[in-house]
N, C-alpha and C. Protein backbone atom coordinates (compact mmCIF):
# COMPACT_ATOMS: atom_id res chain seq x y z
N MET A 1 0.94 -1.28 0.13
CA MET A 1 0.03 0.06 0.08
C MET A 1 0.92 1.29 -0.02
N ILE A 2 0.39 2.09 -0.52
CA ILE A 2 1.13 3.57 -0.63
C ILE A 2 0.80 4.38 0.56
N ARG A 3 1.72 4.98 1.30
CA ARG A 3 1.45 5.75 2.39
C ARG A 3 0.51 6.81 2.02
N ASP A 4 0.05 7.55 3.24
CA ASP A 4 -0.86 8.58 2.99
C ASP A 4 -2.12 8.38 2.09
N ARG A 5 -2.40 7.26 2.08
CA ARG A 5 -3.81 6.87 1.48
C ARG A 5 -4.82 6.21 2.37
N ILE A 6 -5.98 6.31 2.05
CA ILE A 6 -7.21 5.60 2.79
C ILE A 6 -7.77 4.79 1.64
N VAL A 7 -7.33 3.49 1.68
CA VAL A 7 -7.89 2.40 0.86
C VAL A 7 -8.85 1.70 1.37
N ARG A 8 -9.78 1.48 0.66
CA ARG A 8 -10.76 0.56 1.20
C ARG A 8 -11.63 -0.32 0.05
N VAL A 9 -12.22 -1.49 0.43
CA VAL A 9 -12.91 -2.11 -0.52
C VAL A 9 -14.30 -1.58 -0.54
N ALA A 10 -14.67 -0.90 -1.61
CA ALA A 10 -16.02 -0.24 -1.73
C ALA A 10 -16.99 -1.11 -2.10
N VAL A 11 -16.73 -2.10 -3.09
CA VAL A 11 -17.78 -3.08 -3.47
C VAL A 11 -17.07 -4.47 -3.49
N PRO A 12 -17.36 -5.25 -2.28
CA PRO A 12 -16.64 -6.62 -2.41
C PRO A 12 -17.01 -7.51 -3.47
N PRO A 13 -16.08 -8.46 -3.66
CA PRO A 13 -16.30 -9.47 -4.96
C PRO A 13 -17.82 -9.96 -4.88
N ALA A 14 -18.18 -10.42 -6.04
CA ALA A 14 -19.51 -10.90 -6.17
C ALA A 14 -19.54 -12.41 -5.82
N PHE A 15 -18.32 -13.16 -5.90
CA PHE A 15 -18.17 -14.32 -5.57
C PHE A 15 -16.67 -14.74 -5.14
N MET A 16 -16.71 -16.00 -4.49
CA MET A 16 -15.37 -16.32 -4.00
C MET A 16 -14.53 -16.94 -5.11
N PRO A 17 -13.17 -16.80 -4.92
CA PRO A 17 -12.35 -17.38 -6.07
C PRO A 17 -12.45 -18.92 -6.11
N VAL A 18 -12.88 -19.54 -4.92
CA VAL A 18 -12.92 -20.97 -4.96
C VAL A 18 -14.28 -21.29 -4.52
N SER A 19 -15.07 -22.05 -5.39
CA SER A 19 -16.59 -22.32 -5.02
C SER A 19 -16.69 -23.44 -3.91
N LEU A 20 -17.70 -23.57 -3.36
CA LEU A 20 -18.13 -24.50 -2.40
C LEU A 20 -17.86 -25.79 -2.90
N VAL A 21 -18.25 -25.97 -4.08
CA VAL A 21 -18.17 -27.45 -4.69
C VAL A 21 -16.84 -27.63 -4.77
N ASP A 22 -15.93 -26.76 -5.31
CA ASP A 22 -14.40 -27.22 -5.57
C ASP A 22 -13.77 -27.19 -4.23
N MET A 23 -14.23 -26.46 -3.27
CA MET A 23 -13.61 -26.59 -1.97
C MET A 23 -13.85 -28.03 -1.31
N LYS A 24 -15.04 -28.38 -1.45
CA LYS A 24 -15.64 -29.64 -0.82
C LYS A 24 -14.82 -30.76 -1.54
N GLU A 25 -14.62 -30.73 -2.81
CA GLU A 25 -13.96 -31.68 -3.61
C GLU A 25 -12.65 -31.78 -3.05
N HIS A 26 -11.89 -30.70 -2.90
CA HIS A 26 -10.54 -30.66 -2.32
C HIS A 26 -10.47 -31.20 -0.90
N LEU A 27 -11.39 -31.13 -0.07
CA LEU A 27 -11.51 -31.50 1.27
C LEU A 27 -11.97 -33.07 1.28
N ARG A 28 -12.51 -33.51 0.13
CA ARG A 28 -13.31 -34.85 0.16
C ARG A 28 -14.34 -34.91 1.04
N VAL A 29 -15.18 -33.84 1.01
CA VAL A 29 -16.40 -33.93 1.66
C VAL A 29 -17.56 -34.15 0.77
N THR A 30 -18.35 -35.08 1.05
CA THR A 30 -19.64 -35.28 0.08
C THR A 30 -20.88 -34.63 0.70
N GLY A 31 -21.08 -34.73 2.07
CA GLY A 31 -22.40 -34.12 2.51
C GLY A 31 -22.35 -32.75 2.58
N SER A 32 -23.55 -32.12 3.10
CA SER A 32 -23.76 -30.58 3.07
C SER A 32 -23.95 -30.22 4.60
N ALA A 33 -23.44 -31.12 5.61
CA ALA A 33 -23.77 -30.77 6.87
C ALA A 33 -22.62 -29.64 7.45
N GLU A 34 -21.60 -29.53 6.74
CA GLU A 34 -20.62 -28.77 7.10
C GLU A 34 -20.39 -27.51 6.07
N ASP A 35 -21.33 -27.22 5.19
CA ASP A 35 -21.33 -26.23 4.24
C ASP A 35 -21.08 -24.94 4.71
N ALA A 36 -21.86 -24.64 5.66
CA ALA A 36 -21.62 -23.31 6.41
C ALA A 36 -20.08 -23.23 6.92
N LEU A 37 -19.53 -24.11 7.68
CA LEU A 37 -18.27 -23.97 8.00
C LEU A 37 -17.23 -23.90 7.04
N ILE A 38 -17.21 -24.80 6.02
CA ILE A 38 -16.39 -24.65 4.98
C ILE A 38 -16.50 -23.14 4.19
N THR A 39 -17.84 -22.70 4.02
CA THR A 39 -17.91 -21.45 3.35
C THR A 39 -17.28 -20.34 4.34
N SER A 40 -17.30 -20.44 5.51
CA SER A 40 -16.77 -19.33 6.51
C SER A 40 -15.15 -19.56 6.49
N TYR A 41 -14.75 -20.73 6.53
CA TYR A 41 -13.19 -20.90 6.37
C TYR A 41 -12.73 -20.34 4.96
N THR A 42 -13.49 -20.61 3.93
CA THR A 42 -13.11 -20.07 2.80
C THR A 42 -12.95 -18.62 2.67
N ALA A 43 -14.01 -17.76 3.24
CA ALA A 43 -13.97 -16.37 3.25
C ALA A 43 -12.94 -15.91 4.14
N ALA A 44 -12.65 -16.73 5.17
CA ALA A 44 -11.41 -16.07 6.12
C ALA A 44 -10.14 -16.48 5.45
N ALA A 45 -9.86 -17.41 4.57
CA ALA A 45 -8.62 -17.73 3.86
C ALA A 45 -8.52 -16.62 2.88
N VAL A 46 -9.59 -16.34 2.06
CA VAL A 46 -9.57 -15.23 1.19
C VAL A 46 -9.02 -13.87 1.77
N ALA A 47 -9.74 -13.54 2.81
CA ALA A 47 -9.51 -12.29 3.66
C ALA A 47 -8.12 -12.35 4.05
N SER A 48 -7.42 -13.33 4.54
CA SER A 48 -6.12 -13.43 4.83
C SER A 48 -5.04 -13.14 3.82
N LEU A 49 -5.49 -13.23 2.54
CA LEU A 49 -4.60 -13.02 1.42
C LEU A 49 -4.97 -11.68 0.82
N ASP A 50 -6.21 -11.42 0.52
CA ASP A 50 -6.83 -10.50 -0.33
C ASP A 50 -6.39 -9.02 0.10
N VAL A 51 -6.22 -8.03 -0.74
CA VAL A 51 -5.92 -6.85 -0.56
C VAL A 51 -5.09 -6.29 0.54
N ASP A 52 -5.56 -6.22 1.81
CA ASP A 52 -4.80 -6.02 2.93
C ASP A 52 -4.14 -7.23 3.63
N GLY A 53 -4.35 -8.33 2.93
CA GLY A 53 -3.73 -9.60 3.47
C GLY A 53 -2.36 -9.93 3.00
N GLU A 54 -1.88 -11.10 3.19
CA GLU A 54 -0.56 -11.57 2.83
C GLU A 54 -0.25 -11.37 1.41
N LEU A 55 -1.32 -11.56 0.56
CA LEU A 55 -0.79 -11.27 -0.85
C LEU A 55 -0.87 -9.91 -1.37
N GLY A 56 -1.70 -9.18 -0.60
CA GLY A 56 -1.39 -7.55 -1.04
C GLY A 56 -2.09 -7.09 -2.43
N ARG A 57 -2.85 -8.06 -3.04
CA ARG A 57 -3.42 -7.76 -4.33
C ARG A 57 -4.84 -8.30 -4.30
N ALA A 58 -5.63 -7.74 -5.22
CA ALA A 58 -7.15 -8.17 -5.23
C ALA A 58 -7.08 -9.60 -6.01
N ILE A 59 -7.91 -10.58 -5.35
CA ILE A 59 -7.77 -11.93 -5.93
C ILE A 59 -8.90 -11.88 -7.16
N VAL A 60 -9.83 -11.42 -6.90
CA VAL A 60 -10.98 -11.31 -7.75
C VAL A 60 -11.46 -10.00 -7.93
N THR A 61 -12.17 -9.72 -9.21
CA THR A 61 -12.72 -8.35 -9.16
C THR A 61 -13.62 -7.83 -8.15
N GLN A 62 -13.17 -6.60 -7.75
CA GLN A 62 -13.90 -5.84 -6.55
C GLN A 62 -13.53 -4.37 -6.89
N THR A 63 -14.42 -3.44 -6.25
CA THR A 63 -14.15 -2.12 -6.47
C THR A 63 -13.33 -1.50 -5.30
N ILE A 64 -12.40 -0.82 -5.47
CA ILE A 64 -11.58 -0.21 -4.40
C ILE A 64 -11.69 1.16 -4.58
N ALA A 65 -11.81 1.87 -3.43
CA ALA A 65 -11.91 3.29 -3.19
C ALA A 65 -10.67 3.77 -2.54
N GLU A 66 -9.91 4.63 -3.22
CA GLU A 66 -8.50 5.16 -2.83
C GLU A 66 -8.54 6.55 -2.71
N ALA A 67 -8.45 7.22 -1.40
CA ALA A 67 -8.61 8.45 -1.06
C ALA A 67 -7.21 9.02 -0.77
N LEU A 68 -6.76 10.32 -1.24
CA LEU A 68 -5.76 11.00 -1.04
C LEU A 68 -6.09 12.38 -0.96
N GLN A 69 -4.88 13.03 -0.41
CA GLN A 69 -4.84 14.49 -0.39
C GLN A 69 -4.63 15.38 -1.50
N ARG A 70 -3.42 14.88 -2.05
CA ARG A 70 -2.86 15.81 -3.23
C ARG A 70 -2.48 14.88 -4.42
N PRO A 71 -3.28 14.47 -5.43
CA PRO A 71 -2.82 13.67 -6.50
C PRO A 71 -1.64 14.44 -7.24
N THR A 72 -0.79 13.57 -7.81
CA THR A 72 0.10 14.14 -8.83
C THR A 72 -0.38 13.74 -10.24
N ARG A 73 0.46 14.25 -11.20
CA ARG A 73 0.11 14.13 -12.61
C ARG A 73 -0.18 12.59 -12.80
N ASP A 74 0.88 11.81 -12.32
CA ASP A 74 0.72 10.30 -12.41
C ASP A 74 0.63 9.84 -11.00
N THR A 75 -0.82 9.51 -10.59
CA THR A 75 -1.00 9.08 -9.14
C THR A 75 -1.13 7.67 -9.29
N TYR A 76 -0.09 6.98 -8.52
CA TYR A 76 -0.10 5.40 -8.44
C TYR A 76 -1.29 4.97 -7.58
N LEU A 77 -1.73 3.86 -7.92
CA LEU A 77 -2.81 3.14 -7.35
C LEU A 77 -2.25 1.86 -6.46
N SER A 78 -2.88 1.80 -5.21
CA SER A 78 -2.31 0.72 -4.18
C SER A 78 -2.55 -0.72 -4.61
N VAL A 79 -3.69 -0.95 -5.21
CA VAL A 79 -4.22 -2.31 -5.40
C VAL A 79 -4.15 -2.81 -6.79
N SER A 80 -3.47 -3.87 -6.92
CA SER A 80 -3.34 -4.35 -8.42
C SER A 80 -3.84 -5.87 -8.22
N PRO A 81 -4.19 -6.44 -9.51
CA PRO A 81 -4.02 -5.80 -10.91
C PRO A 81 -5.22 -4.94 -11.10
N ALA A 82 -5.00 -3.61 -11.42
CA ALA A 82 -6.11 -2.69 -11.71
C ALA A 82 -6.89 -3.11 -13.04
N GLN A 83 -8.03 -2.77 -13.06
CA GLN A 83 -8.77 -3.06 -14.36
C GLN A 83 -9.28 -1.75 -14.96
N GLU A 84 -10.03 -1.05 -14.38
CA GLU A 84 -10.66 0.25 -14.99
C GLU A 84 -11.06 1.21 -13.87
N LEU A 85 -11.18 2.47 -14.39
CA LEU A 85 -11.67 3.60 -13.57
C LEU A 85 -13.30 3.39 -13.46
N VAL A 86 -13.67 3.53 -12.23
CA VAL A 86 -15.05 3.84 -11.97
C VAL A 86 -15.56 5.15 -11.90
N SER A 87 -14.70 6.00 -11.11
CA SER A 87 -15.11 7.33 -10.79
C SER A 87 -13.90 8.11 -10.08
N VAL A 88 -14.03 9.37 -10.14
CA VAL A 88 -13.23 10.41 -9.50
C VAL A 88 -13.89 11.37 -8.73
N LYS A 89 -14.01 11.17 -7.52
CA LYS A 89 -14.67 12.31 -6.67
C LYS A 89 -13.79 13.11 -5.85
N TYR A 90 -14.15 14.16 -5.73
CA TYR A 90 -13.25 15.03 -5.00
C TYR A 90 -14.13 16.32 -4.25
N TYR A 91 -13.62 16.83 -3.24
CA TYR A 91 -14.13 17.90 -2.39
C TYR A 91 -13.49 19.22 -2.79
N ASP A 92 -14.56 19.96 -3.50
CA ASP A 92 -14.00 21.29 -4.14
C ASP A 92 -13.63 22.17 -3.05
N THR A 93 -13.03 23.43 -3.43
CA THR A 93 -12.49 24.35 -2.72
C THR A 93 -13.46 24.95 -1.59
N ASP A 94 -14.68 24.55 -1.62
CA ASP A 94 -15.77 24.82 -0.77
C ASP A 94 -16.11 23.76 0.13
N ASN A 95 -15.38 22.64 0.00
CA ASN A 95 -15.57 21.17 0.73
C ASN A 95 -16.99 20.67 0.46
N ILE A 96 -17.33 20.81 -0.96
CA ILE A 96 -18.56 20.17 -1.21
C ILE A 96 -17.91 19.00 -2.27
N GLU A 97 -18.49 17.92 -2.06
CA GLU A 97 -18.19 16.78 -2.87
C GLU A 97 -18.70 16.85 -4.39
N GLN A 98 -17.88 16.57 -5.26
CA GLN A 98 -18.25 16.60 -6.72
C GLN A 98 -17.54 15.41 -7.33
N THR A 99 -18.32 15.11 -8.54
CA THR A 99 -17.73 14.01 -9.40
C THR A 99 -17.08 14.46 -10.57
N ALA A 100 -15.86 14.15 -10.69
CA ALA A 100 -15.08 14.61 -12.03
C ALA A 100 -15.54 13.74 -13.14
N ASP A 101 -15.29 14.44 -14.33
CA ASP A 101 -15.53 13.83 -15.64
C ASP A 101 -14.36 12.87 -16.06
N LEU A 102 -14.68 11.48 -16.20
CA LEU A 102 -13.63 10.58 -16.41
C LEU A 102 -12.78 10.80 -17.76
N SER A 103 -13.51 11.37 -18.67
CA SER A 103 -12.52 11.83 -19.80
C SER A 103 -11.30 12.48 -19.35
N ASP A 104 -11.27 13.32 -18.16
CA ASP A 104 -10.02 13.89 -17.97
C ASP A 104 -8.85 13.07 -17.21
N PHE A 105 -9.23 11.67 -17.37
CA PHE A 105 -8.25 10.86 -16.66
C PHE A 105 -8.01 9.60 -17.49
N ALA A 106 -6.92 9.02 -17.22
CA ALA A 106 -6.61 7.69 -18.03
C ALA A 106 -5.93 6.84 -17.14
N ILE A 107 -6.05 5.54 -17.14
CA ILE A 107 -5.53 4.47 -16.31
C ILE A 107 -4.36 3.99 -17.18
N TYR A 108 -3.38 3.57 -16.72
CA TYR A 108 -2.25 2.94 -17.16
C TYR A 108 -1.70 1.82 -16.28
N LYS A 109 -1.72 0.50 -16.75
CA LYS A 109 -1.71 -0.45 -15.74
C LYS A 109 -0.81 -1.74 -16.44
N SER A 110 -0.50 -2.61 -15.57
CA SER A 110 0.05 -3.99 -15.84
C SER A 110 -0.33 -4.81 -14.82
N ASP A 111 0.06 -6.13 -14.89
CA ASP A 111 -0.50 -6.82 -13.60
C ASP A 111 0.00 -6.62 -12.32
N ASP A 112 1.28 -5.68 -12.21
CA ASP A 112 1.90 -5.51 -10.94
C ASP A 112 1.79 -3.93 -10.61
N TRP A 113 1.29 -3.14 -11.59
CA TRP A 113 1.27 -1.70 -11.12
C TRP A 113 0.20 -1.01 -11.89
N ALA A 114 -0.23 0.28 -11.54
CA ALA A 114 -1.16 1.17 -12.26
C ALA A 114 -1.09 2.49 -11.67
N PHE A 115 -1.45 3.34 -12.58
CA PHE A 115 -1.48 4.70 -12.13
C PHE A 115 -2.56 5.49 -12.88
N VAL A 116 -3.04 6.54 -12.34
CA VAL A 116 -4.07 7.35 -13.03
C VAL A 116 -3.34 8.56 -13.46
N ARG A 117 -3.49 8.99 -14.59
CA ARG A 117 -2.80 10.09 -15.16
C ARG A 117 -3.82 11.14 -15.51
N SER A 118 -3.59 12.44 -15.17
CA SER A 118 -4.37 13.60 -15.60
C SER A 118 -3.62 14.87 -15.47
N ASP A 119 -3.91 15.79 -16.51
CA ASP A 119 -3.31 17.08 -16.29
C ASP A 119 -4.27 18.01 -15.94
N ASN A 120 -5.49 17.47 -15.33
CA ASN A 120 -6.46 18.34 -15.13
C ASN A 120 -7.22 17.90 -13.68
N TRP A 121 -6.37 17.68 -12.61
CA TRP A 121 -6.78 17.40 -11.43
C TRP A 121 -7.50 18.54 -10.83
N PRO A 122 -8.82 18.36 -10.21
CA PRO A 122 -9.34 19.54 -9.84
C PRO A 122 -8.88 20.36 -8.46
N ALA A 123 -9.02 21.46 -8.36
CA ALA A 123 -8.63 22.13 -7.11
C ALA A 123 -9.49 21.63 -6.01
N THR A 124 -8.78 21.32 -4.88
CA THR A 124 -9.57 20.76 -3.76
C THR A 124 -9.34 21.37 -2.57
N TYR A 125 -10.38 21.13 -1.66
CA TYR A 125 -10.36 21.39 -0.22
C TYR A 125 -9.26 20.86 0.57
N ASP A 126 -8.56 21.25 1.48
CA ASP A 126 -7.44 20.76 2.04
C ASP A 126 -7.87 19.75 3.19
N ARG A 127 -7.90 18.49 2.83
CA ARG A 127 -8.35 17.39 3.73
C ARG A 127 -7.67 16.08 3.17
N PRO A 128 -7.63 15.16 4.15
CA PRO A 128 -6.74 13.92 3.87
C PRO A 128 -7.47 13.23 2.63
N ASP A 129 -8.81 13.20 2.55
CA ASP A 129 -9.55 12.62 1.52
C ASP A 129 -10.10 13.41 0.48
N ALA A 130 -9.16 14.46 0.03
CA ALA A 130 -9.63 15.46 -0.92
C ALA A 130 -10.26 14.75 -2.13
N VAL A 131 -9.45 13.73 -2.72
CA VAL A 131 -9.79 12.95 -3.97
C VAL A 131 -10.01 11.60 -3.61
N THR A 132 -11.11 11.02 -4.11
CA THR A 132 -11.26 9.78 -4.15
C THR A 132 -11.30 8.93 -5.42
N ILE A 133 -10.34 8.05 -5.79
CA ILE A 133 -10.23 7.21 -6.97
C ILE A 133 -11.06 6.06 -6.88
N SER A 134 -12.02 5.63 -7.45
CA SER A 134 -12.69 4.42 -7.51
C SER A 134 -12.25 3.49 -8.73
N TYR A 135 -11.92 2.37 -8.59
CA TYR A 135 -11.70 1.59 -9.77
C TYR A 135 -11.67 0.07 -9.22
N THR A 136 -12.00 -0.69 -10.38
CA THR A 136 -12.04 -2.15 -10.25
C THR A 136 -10.54 -2.75 -10.28
N ALA A 137 -10.46 -3.80 -9.42
CA ALA A 137 -9.11 -4.35 -9.44
C ALA A 137 -9.46 -5.91 -9.08
N GLY A 138 -8.43 -6.64 -9.56
CA GLY A 138 -8.75 -8.10 -9.29
C GLY A 138 -8.18 -9.00 -10.60
N PHE A 139 -7.85 -10.17 -10.28
CA PHE A 139 -7.57 -11.01 -11.36
C PHE A 139 -8.88 -11.52 -11.99
N ASP A 140 -8.94 -11.82 -13.37
CA ASP A 140 -10.12 -12.32 -13.93
C ASP A 140 -9.77 -13.46 -14.87
N PRO A 141 -9.71 -14.64 -14.65
CA PRO A 141 -10.26 -15.22 -13.29
C PRO A 141 -8.93 -15.38 -12.28
N ALA A 142 -9.39 -15.78 -11.10
CA ALA A 142 -8.37 -15.86 -10.12
C ALA A 142 -7.23 -16.86 -10.51
N PRO A 143 -6.01 -16.77 -10.53
CA PRO A 143 -4.91 -17.70 -10.96
C PRO A 143 -5.03 -18.86 -10.24
N ASP A 144 -4.78 -19.96 -10.93
CA ASP A 144 -4.82 -21.41 -10.18
C ASP A 144 -3.93 -21.60 -8.98
N ASP A 145 -2.62 -20.94 -9.07
CA ASP A 145 -1.89 -21.10 -7.77
C ASP A 145 -2.46 -20.35 -6.58
N ILE A 146 -3.15 -19.26 -6.67
CA ILE A 146 -3.70 -18.66 -5.70
C ILE A 146 -4.91 -19.44 -5.11
N CYS A 147 -5.70 -19.95 -6.18
CA CYS A 147 -6.91 -20.70 -5.76
C CYS A 147 -6.48 -22.09 -5.01
N HIS A 148 -5.26 -22.55 -5.44
CA HIS A 148 -4.80 -23.92 -4.57
C HIS A 148 -4.24 -23.28 -3.30
N ALA A 149 -3.59 -22.24 -3.24
CA ALA A 149 -3.20 -21.75 -1.83
C ALA A 149 -4.36 -21.75 -0.87
N ILE A 150 -5.45 -21.00 -1.39
CA ILE A 150 -6.80 -20.95 -0.54
C ILE A 150 -7.26 -22.39 -0.23
N LYS A 151 -7.27 -23.24 -1.05
CA LYS A 151 -7.80 -24.66 -0.74
C LYS A 151 -6.72 -25.26 0.28
N MET A 152 -5.48 -25.06 0.22
CA MET A 152 -4.59 -25.64 1.17
C MET A 152 -4.70 -24.91 2.66
N ILE A 153 -4.93 -23.62 2.72
CA ILE A 153 -5.14 -22.92 4.02
C ILE A 153 -6.48 -23.60 4.57
N VAL A 154 -7.60 -23.63 3.75
CA VAL A 154 -8.99 -24.31 4.18
C VAL A 154 -8.80 -25.65 4.56
N GLY A 155 -7.90 -26.27 3.93
CA GLY A 155 -7.68 -27.77 4.30
C GLY A 155 -7.09 -27.88 5.51
N HIS A 156 -6.03 -26.88 5.84
CA HIS A 156 -5.47 -27.10 7.16
C HIS A 156 -6.45 -26.75 8.15
N TRP A 157 -7.11 -25.65 8.08
CA TRP A 157 -8.04 -25.25 9.08
C TRP A 157 -9.13 -26.33 9.50
N TYR A 158 -9.65 -26.91 8.33
CA TYR A 158 -10.56 -27.95 8.35
C TYR A 158 -10.21 -29.01 9.19
N GLU A 159 -8.96 -29.48 8.84
CA GLU A 159 -8.25 -30.60 9.61
C GLU A 159 -7.96 -30.34 11.16
N HIS A 160 -7.48 -29.19 11.30
CA HIS A 160 -6.95 -28.55 12.60
C HIS A 160 -7.76 -27.53 13.03
N ARG A 161 -8.90 -27.77 13.60
CA ARG A 161 -9.81 -26.73 14.12
C ARG A 161 -9.72 -26.03 15.38
N GLU A 162 -8.37 -26.16 16.05
CA GLU A 162 -7.99 -25.60 17.16
C GLU A 162 -6.76 -24.60 16.84
N ASP A 163 -6.54 -23.71 17.74
CA ASP A 163 -5.46 -22.71 17.60
C ASP A 163 -4.14 -23.43 17.96
N ALA A 164 -4.25 -24.62 18.93
CA ALA A 164 -3.01 -25.10 19.47
C ALA A 164 -3.30 -26.64 19.23
N THR A 165 -2.29 -27.35 19.29
CA THR A 165 -2.28 -28.90 19.28
C THR A 165 -1.19 -29.44 20.01
N GLU A 166 -1.10 -30.51 20.49
CA GLU A 166 -0.13 -31.26 21.20
C GLU A 166 0.74 -32.11 20.18
N ILE A 167 0.16 -32.20 19.08
CA ILE A 167 0.91 -32.88 17.91
C ILE A 167 1.91 -31.93 17.18
N LYS A 168 3.10 -32.27 16.88
CA LYS A 168 3.97 -31.54 16.28
C LYS A 168 3.74 -31.36 14.90
N LEU A 169 3.36 -30.23 14.35
CA LEU A 169 2.99 -29.85 13.08
C LEU A 169 4.13 -29.27 12.46
N SER A 170 4.40 -29.52 11.04
CA SER A 170 5.47 -28.73 10.39
C SER A 170 5.00 -28.39 9.00
N GLU A 171 5.50 -27.32 8.51
CA GLU A 171 5.08 -26.70 7.23
C GLU A 171 5.33 -27.55 6.24
N VAL A 172 4.54 -27.78 5.09
CA VAL A 172 4.72 -28.52 3.83
C VAL A 172 5.73 -27.71 3.09
N PRO A 173 6.77 -28.33 2.73
CA PRO A 173 7.81 -27.50 1.89
C PRO A 173 7.10 -27.11 0.56
N ARG A 174 7.42 -25.81 0.29
CA ARG A 174 6.86 -25.24 -0.87
C ARG A 174 5.39 -24.99 -1.05
N ALA A 175 4.84 -24.86 0.01
CA ALA A 175 3.31 -24.76 0.07
C ALA A 175 2.73 -23.41 -0.16
N VAL A 176 1.96 -23.06 0.80
CA VAL A 176 1.22 -21.70 0.57
C VAL A 176 2.06 -20.48 0.27
N GLY A 177 3.02 -20.36 1.31
CA GLY A 177 4.00 -19.29 0.93
C GLY A 177 4.63 -19.18 -0.43
N HIS A 178 5.04 -20.46 -0.96
CA HIS A 178 5.66 -20.39 -2.21
C HIS A 178 4.53 -20.26 -3.38
N LEU A 179 3.36 -20.63 -3.11
CA LEU A 179 2.17 -20.35 -4.30
C LEU A 179 1.89 -18.87 -4.31
N ILE A 180 1.88 -18.16 -3.22
CA ILE A 180 1.56 -16.83 -3.29
C ILE A 180 2.79 -15.92 -3.41
N GLY A 181 3.97 -16.33 -3.13
CA GLY A 181 5.17 -15.61 -3.12
C GLY A 181 5.39 -14.91 -4.41
N ASN A 182 5.03 -15.64 -5.47
CA ASN A 182 5.41 -15.00 -6.90
C ASN A 182 4.43 -14.04 -7.21
N ARG A 183 3.42 -14.01 -6.59
CA ARG A 183 2.18 -13.03 -7.03
C ARG A 183 2.12 -11.86 -5.89
N ARG A 184 2.83 -11.87 -4.85
CA ARG A 184 2.57 -10.92 -3.71
C ARG A 184 3.00 -9.65 -4.27
N GLY A 185 2.10 -8.68 -3.80
CA GLY A 185 2.35 -7.23 -4.22
C GLY A 185 2.86 -6.43 -2.93
N GLY A 186 4.01 -5.81 -3.19
CA GLY A 186 4.71 -5.06 -1.89
C GLY A 186 5.31 -5.98 -1.02
N TRP A 187 5.60 -5.53 0.22
CA TRP A 187 6.11 -6.42 1.13
C TRP A 187 5.16 -6.66 2.34
N TYR A 188 5.20 -7.98 2.81
CA TYR A 188 4.38 -8.34 3.91
C TYR A 188 5.19 -8.96 4.84
N GLY A 189 4.96 -8.75 6.08
CA GLY A 189 5.68 -9.59 7.21
C GLY A 189 6.43 -8.67 8.13
């Protein structure tokens, strides 16, 4: 994340990157008695990786609202992979929220970075959230390695439902950390 930003998920993903059916197949569960538990584990695993989590990127399409005080000509976005601009809102010099014309802005992006360029950023009131850039971000579809990492996390939680155990557990070599390591955005840890 970029410092001096207020970043939030404005519209969460419409679906999980791993379906309940796929998760149950991975867990070798055939009945429906634990569907709610498996669904909650899946949501928690996604949250542990997504946007503010260990991966630091949007796993599936969602809308991000990123507020800042003073945009520059090329204003970098915190969440990747960015897809498209949704809106640019700002507080004018009278501290009244306005919506800018999107034709004054262009998004430049790759899978690893994105920025919004404009030579016409509006004059704003002096406040930390003077400009809010809303954009969609996320993989489409979620990459297989990230989905497999989610399945591994849920599999571990499903098998080991307590925070502690008397059994000595060890990490599976080249497991979740390896799967998400190549796609991690920024530094985590």
